[in-house]
C-alpha atoms as a PDB file:
ATOM      1  CA  MET A   1    -121.485 -17.077  24.175  1.00  0.00           C
ATOM      2  CA  PHE A   2    -124.923 -16.509  25.733  1.00  0.00           C
ATOM      3  CA  TYR A   3    -126.570 -16.563  22.295  1.00  0.00           C
ATOM      4  CA  SER A   4    -124.890 -19.868  21.409  1.00  0.00           C
ATOM      5  CA  GLY A   5    -125.958 -21.456  24.696  1.00  0.00           C
ATOM      6  CA  THR A   6    -129.494 -20.171  24.229  1.00  0.00           C
ATOM      7  CA  LEU A   7    -129.704 -21.693  20.747  1.00  0.00           C
ATOM      8  CA  ARG A   8    -128.386 -25.015  22.053  1.00  0.00           C
ATOM      9  CA  LEU A   9    -130.963 -25.020  24.859  1.00  0.00           C
ATOM     10  CA  LEU A  10    -133.717 -24.121  22.396  1.00  0.00           C
ATOM     11  CA  ALA A  11    -132.667 -26.930  20.045  1.00  0.00           C
ATOM     12  CA  ILE A  12    -132.669 -29.433  22.917  1.00  0.00           C
ATOM     13  CA  ALA A  13    -136.115 -28.292  24.038  1.00  0.00           C
ATOM     14  CA  CYS A  14    -137.407 -28.466  20.469  1.00  0.00           C
ATOM     15  CA  PHE A  15    -135.940 -31.946  20.037  1.00  0.00           C
ATOM     16  CA  PHE A  16    -137.550 -33.192  23.234  1.00  0.00           C
ATOM     17  CA  LEU A  17    -140.934 -31.700  22.437  1.00  0.00           C
ATOM     18  CA  SER A  18    -141.007 -32.928  18.840  1.00  0.00           C
ATOM     19  CA  ALA A  19    -139.504 -36.370  19.541  1.00  0.00           C
ATOM     20  CA  HIS A  20    -142.218 -37.054  22.075  1.00  0.00           C
ATOM     21  CA  GLY A  21    -144.993 -35.773  19.826  1.00  0.00           C
ATOM     22  CA  LEU A  22    -145.867 -32.931  22.175  1.00  0.00           C
ATOM     23  CA  LEU A  23    -145.660 -30.214  19.522  1.00  0.00           C
ATOM     24  CA  SER A  24    -146.416 -30.125  15.816  1.00  0.00           C
ATOM     25  CA  GLU A  25    -143.959 -28.630  13.317  1.00  0.00           C
ATOM     26  CA  HIS A  26    -146.151 -25.489  13.129  1.00  0.00           C
ATOM     27  CA  GLU A  27    -146.059 -25.124  16.924  1.00  0.00           C
ATOM     28  CA  LEU A  28    -142.296 -25.600  16.913  1.00  0.00           C
ATOM     29  CA  GLN A  29    -141.917 -22.887  14.272  1.00  0.00           C
ATOM     30  CA  SER A  30    -143.935 -20.474  16.382  1.00  0.00           C
ATOM     31  CA  LEU A  31    -141.405 -20.996  19.190  1.00  0.00           C
ATOM     32  CA  CYS A  32    -138.614 -19.861  16.861  1.00  0.00           C
ATOM     33  CA  PRO A  33    -140.041 -16.679  15.301  1.00  0.00           C
ATOM     34  CA  LYS A  34    -136.635 -15.222  14.344  1.00  0.00           C
ATOM     35  CA  ASP A  35    -135.320 -18.432  12.807  1.00  0.00           C
ATOM     36  CA  ARG A  36    -138.391 -20.390  11.801  1.00  0.00           C
ATOM     37  CA  GLY A  37    -136.467 -23.172  10.067  1.00  0.00           C
ATOM     38  CA  PHE A  38    -133.936 -23.753  12.834  1.00  0.00           C
ATOM     39  CA  CYS A  39    -135.878 -25.472  15.587  1.00  0.00           C
ATOM     40  CA  PRO A  40    -137.904 -28.030  13.595  1.00  0.00           C
ATOM     41  CA  LYS A  41    -134.968 -28.876  11.326  1.00  0.00           C
ATOM     42  CA  LYS A  42    -132.493 -29.306  14.189  1.00  0.00           C
ATOM     43  CA  ALA A  43    -135.017 -31.252  16.252  1.00  0.00           C
ATOM     44  CA  SER A  44    -135.652 -33.583  13.345  1.00  0.00           C
ATOM     45  CA  GLN A  45    -131.930 -34.124  12.692  1.00  0.00           C
ATOM     46  CA  ALA A  46    -131.258 -34.788  16.379  1.00  0.00           C
ATOM     47  CA  ALA A  47    -134.145 -37.255  16.601  1.00  0.00           C
ATOM     48  CA  LEU A  48    -132.855 -39.171  13.555  1.00  0.00           C
ATOM     49  CA  HIS A  49    -129.314 -39.231  14.907  1.00  0.00           C
ATOM     50  CA  ASN A  50    -130.445 -40.417  18.332  1.00  0.00           C
ATOM     51  CA  ARG A  51    -132.663 -43.096  16.804  1.00  0.00           C
ATOM     52  CA  ILE A  52    -129.950 -44.774  14.740  1.00  0.00           C
ATOM     53  CA  GLN A  53    -127.270 -44.277  17.378  1.00  0.00           C
ATOM     54  CA  SER A  54    -129.465 -45.959  19.989  1.00  0.00           C
ATOM     55  CA  CYS A  55    -129.819 -48.992  17.742  1.00  0.00           C
ATOM     56  CA  CYS A  56    -126.108 -49.172  16.871  1.00  0.00           C
ATOM     57  CA  LYS A  57    -125.171 -48.941  20.553  1.00  0.00           C
ATOM     58  CA  LYS A  58    -127.607 -51.704  21.517  1.00  0.00           C
ATOM     59  CA  VAL A  59    -126.992 -54.231  18.742  1.00  0.00           C
ATOM     60  CA  GLY A  60    -123.466 -53.339  17.593  1.00  0.00           C
ATOM     61  CA  LYS A  61    -120.387 -55.116  18.879  1.00  0.00           C
ATOM     62  CA  VAL A  62    -119.018 -53.483  22.032  1.00  0.00           C
ATOM     63  CA  GLU A  63    -115.455 -53.792  20.764  1.00  0.00           C
ATOM     64  CA  MET A  64    -116.487 -51.806  17.655  1.00  0.00           C
ATOM     65  CA  LYS A  65    -117.776 -48.835  19.663  1.00  0.00           C
ATOM     66  CA  PHE A  66    -115.193 -46.608  17.967  1.00  0.00           C
ATOM     67  CA  CYS A  67    -117.283 -46.993  14.765  1.00  0.00           C
ATOM     68  CA  LEU A  68    -120.303 -45.153  16.211  1.00  0.00           C
ATOM     69  CA  PRO A  69    -119.450 -41.849  14.457  1.00  0.00           C
ATOM     70  CA  LEU A  70    -120.244 -43.603  11.165  1.00  0.00           C
ATOM     71  CA  CYS A  71    -123.637 -44.863  12.326  1.00  0.00           C
ATOM     72  CA  GLY A  72    -125.954 -42.156  11.042  1.00  0.00           C
ATOM     73  CA  TYR A  73    -128.408 -41.215   8.338  1.00  0.00           C
ATOM     74  CA  ASN A  74    -126.061 -38.460   7.199  1.00  0.00           C
ATOM     75  CA  THR A  75    -122.833 -40.480   6.902  1.00  0.00           C
ATOM     76  CA  THR A  76    -121.063 -39.477   3.702  1.00  0.00           C
ATOM     77  CA  LEU A  77    -119.342 -41.663   1.140  1.00  0.00           C
ATOM     78  CA  GLU A  78    -116.138 -39.818   2.026  1.00  0.00           C
ATOM     79  CA  ALA A  79    -116.493 -40.882   5.669  1.00  0.00           C
ATOM     80  CA  LEU A  80    -117.083 -44.487   4.647  1.00  0.00           C
ATOM     81  CA  ASP A  81    -114.011 -44.308   2.427  1.00  0.00           C
ATOM     82  CA  SER A  82    -111.852 -42.899   5.247  1.00  0.00           C
ATOM     83  CA  GLY A  83    -109.477 -44.841   7.483  1.00  0.00           C
ATOM     84  CA  LEU A  84    -112.240 -45.226  10.068  1.00  0.00           C
ATOM     85  CA  GLY A  85    -114.644 -46.432   7.402  1.00  0.00           C
ATOM     86  CA  VAL A  86    -112.200 -49.129   6.314  1.00  0.00           C
ATOM     87  CA  LYS A  87    -111.636 -50.235   9.936  1.00  0.00           C
ATOM     88  CA  CYS A  88    -115.410 -50.383  10.497  1.00  0.00           C
ATOM     89  CA  VAL A  89    -116.464 -52.163   7.314  1.00  0.00           C
ATOM     90  CA  SER A  90    -117.557 -55.177   9.375  1.00  0.00           C
ATOM     91  CA  GLN A  91    -120.302 -53.001  10.878  1.00  0.00           C
ATOM     92  CA  LEU A  92    -122.097 -52.467   7.561  1.00  0.00           C
ATOM     93  CA  THR A  93    -124.656 -55.143   8.430  1.00  0.00           C
ATOM     94  CA  THR A  94    -125.434 -53.427  11.736  1.00  0.00           C
ATOM     95  CA  TRP A  95    -125.716 -49.990  10.133  1.00  0.00           C
ATOM     96  CA  ALA A  96    -128.066 -51.297   7.440  1.00  0.00           C
ATOM     97  CA  TYR A  97    -130.246 -53.008  10.058  1.00  0.00           C
ATOM     98  CA  CYS A  98    -130.389 -49.919  12.261  1.00  0.00           C
ATOM     99  CA  ALA A  99    -131.081 -47.530   9.375  1.00  0.00           C
ATOM    100  CA  ALA A 100    -134.096 -49.592   8.302  1.00  0.00           C
ATOM    101  CA  ASP A 101    -135.379 -49.809  11.898  1.00  0.00           C
ATOM    102  CA  ALA A 102    -137.150 -53.124  11.199  1.00  0.00           C
ATOM    103  CA  ASN A 103    -138.950 -51.691   8.154  1.00  0.00           C
ATOM    104  CA  ASP A 104    -139.013 -53.226   4.705  1.00  0.00           C
ATOM    105  CA  ASN A 105    -138.591 -50.213   2.434  1.00  0.00           C
ATOM    106  CA  ARG A 106    -137.986 -52.102  -0.821  1.00  0.00           C
ATOM    107  CA  GLU A 107    -141.123 -50.708  -2.527  1.00  0.00           C
ATOM    108  CA  CYS A 108    -140.039 -47.158  -1.762  1.00  0.00           C
ATOM    109  CA  CYS A 109    -136.541 -47.925  -3.057  1.00  0.00           C
ATOM    110  CA  LYS A 110    -137.909 -49.467  -6.241  1.00  0.00           C
ATOM    111  CA  ALA A 111    -139.994 -46.327  -6.793  1.00  0.00           C
ATOM    112  CA  LYS A 112    -136.830 -44.226  -6.402  1.00  0.00           C
ATOM    113  CA  GLY A 113    -134.987 -46.351  -8.960  1.00  0.00           C
ATOM    114  CA  VAL A 114    -132.685 -48.335  -6.670  1.00  0.00           C
ATOM    115  CA  ASN A 115    -131.099 -51.267  -8.522  1.00  0.00           C
ATOM    116  CA  PRO A 116    -132.471 -54.739  -7.652  1.00  0.00           C
ATOM    117  CA  GLU A 117    -129.073 -55.912  -6.351  1.00  0.00           C
ATOM    118  CA  CYS A 118    -129.149 -53.098  -3.766  1.00  0.00           C
ATOM    119  CA  LEU A 119    -132.659 -53.709  -2.410  1.00  0.00           C
ATOM    120  CA  SER A 120    -131.317 -55.669   0.559  1.00  0.00           C
ATOM    121  CA  PHE A 121    -130.118 -52.314   1.941  1.00  0.00           C
ATOM    122  CA  CYS A 122    -133.723 -51.109   1.763  1.00  0.00           C
ATOM    123  CA  LYS A 123    -134.816 -53.949   4.014  1.00  0.00           C
ATOM    124  CA  GLY A 124    -131.848 -53.621   6.376  1.00  0.00           C
ATOM    125  CA  ASP A 125    -130.738 -57.139   5.546  1.00  0.00           C
ATOM    126  CA  VAL A 126    -127.185 -56.916   4.232  1.00  0.00           C
ATOM    127  CA  PRO A 127    -125.170 -60.017   5.073  1.00  0.00           C
ATOM    128  CA  THR A 128    -121.556 -58.973   4.679  1.00  0.00           C
ATOM    129  CA  CYS A 129    -119.464 -61.747   6.108  1.00  0.00           C
ATOM    130  CA  ASP A 130    -116.292 -61.151   4.121  1.00  0.00           C
ATOM    131  CA  LEU A 131    -114.544 -58.543   2.011  1.00  0.00           C
ATOM    132  CA  LYS A 132    -115.689 -60.167  -1.237  1.00  0.00           C
ATOM    133  CA  SER A 133    -119.354 -59.683  -0.330  1.00  0.00           C
ATOM    134  CA  ILE A 134    -118.695 -56.092   0.721  1.00  0.00           C
ATOM    135  CA  PHE A 135    -117.045 -55.268  -2.597  1.00  0.00           C
ATOM    136  CA  ALA A 136    -120.070 -56.752  -4.364  1.00  0.00           C
ATOM    137  CA  TYR A 137    -122.171 -54.017  -2.704  1.00  0.00           C
ATOM    138  CA  GLN A 138    -119.849 -51.191  -3.766  1.00  0.00           C
ATOM    139  CA  PRO A 139    -122.122 -50.080  -6.662  1.00  0.00           C
ATOM    140  CA  CYS A 140    -124.909 -49.632  -4.089  1.00  0.00           C
ATOM    141  CA  LEU A 141    -123.000 -46.834  -2.375  1.00  0.00           C
ATOM    142  CA  LYS A 142    -123.999 -44.542  -5.236  1.00  0.00           C
ATOM    143  CA  GLN A 143    -127.646 -45.210  -4.392  1.00  0.00           C
ATOM    144  CA  MET A 144    -127.387 -44.586  -0.653  1.00  0.00           C
ATOM    145  CA  LYS A 145    -129.097 -41.196  -0.881  1.00  0.00           C
ATOM    146  CA  ALA A 146    -132.314 -42.772  -2.211  1.00  0.00           C
ATOM    147  CA  ILE A 147    -132.054 -45.699   0.214  1.00  0.00           C
ATOM    148  CA  VAL A 148    -131.593 -43.409   3.230  1.00  0.00           C
ATOM    149  CA  GLU A 149    -134.470 -41.191   2.055  1.00  0.00           C
ATOM    150  CA  CYS A 150    -136.726 -44.245   2.063  1.00  0.00           C
ATOM    151  CA  HIS A 151    -135.595 -45.250   5.538  1.00  0.00           C
ATOM    152  CA  VAL A 152    -136.182 -41.771   6.945  1.00  0.00           C
ATOM    153  CA  GLU A 153    -139.542 -41.343   5.173  1.00  0.00           C
ATOM    154  CA  ASN A 154    -140.822 -44.620   6.635  1.00  0.00           C
ATOM    155  CA  LEU A 155    -139.662 -44.335  10.235  1.00  0.00           C
ATOM    156  CA  SER A 156    -142.403 -44.839  12.779  1.00  0.00           C
ATOM    157  CA  ALA A 157    -142.814 -42.593  15.815  1.00  0.00           C
ATOM    158  CA  GLU A 158    -141.213 -45.212  18.066  1.00  0.00           C
ATOM    159  CA  ALA A 159    -138.085 -47.248  17.368  1.00  0.00           C
ATOM    160  CA  ARG A 160    -138.913 -50.738  16.106  1.00  0.00           C
ATOM    161  CA  PHE A 161    -135.508 -52.459  16.095  1.00  0.00           C
ATOM    162  CA  ASP A 162    -135.045 -55.646  18.121  1.00  0.00           C
ATOM    163  CA  PRO A 163    -132.429 -55.059  20.871  1.00  0.00           C
ATOM    164  CA  ALA A 164    -131.635 -58.794  20.784  1.00  0.00           C
ATOM    165  CA  TRP A 165    -130.823 -58.729  17.033  1.00  0.00           C
ATOM    166  CA  GLU A 166    -127.380 -60.012  16.071  1.00  0.00           C
ATOM    167  CA  ALA A 167    -125.515 -59.732  12.778  1.00  0.00           C
ATOM    168  CA  PRO A 168    -125.945 -62.967  10.789  1.00  0.00           C
ATOM    169  CA  CYS A 169    -122.206 -63.635  10.703  1.00  0.00           C
ATOM    170  CA  ASP A 170    -119.119 -62.926  12.765  1.00  0.00           C
ATOM    171  CA  TRP A 171    -115.942 -61.327  11.518  1.00  0.00           C
ATOM    172  CA  GLU A 172    -112.666 -62.560  12.868  1.00  0.00           C
END
């Protein structure tokens, strides 16, 4: 139990120090001599999760708060295909916006071979106002790995999303 708590505390400290630019990856690794890959990797994952979650909480619909577990850079196709994924399909526009964090990553996506009809995901501009439009994007799900890689590779040190942003259409 002590070891588990110690690791959790170390991960939190690493996250805080790396998220605020106080330590480089090399410095973080020196803090974790017995598990050199643990601290930087966990800190990075936590920072990514917190970044997108912060955006989804700020700009997402309050009544859709139960969808927050799906708002992440590591959300799987299986999770999107689950019962929760189906209930939260109206949040796709918000997730795309938050993942891009106000960046236009279309050039990166093109370089990774993302199909032209899926490039709106790379910009975070996915107007899904009805089920028909959502089903039109279904082929893009197979390209989410490349799209998410572009989003993560192009994140700035500070969040850039607009807290006043609203989805371009309302679902009833």
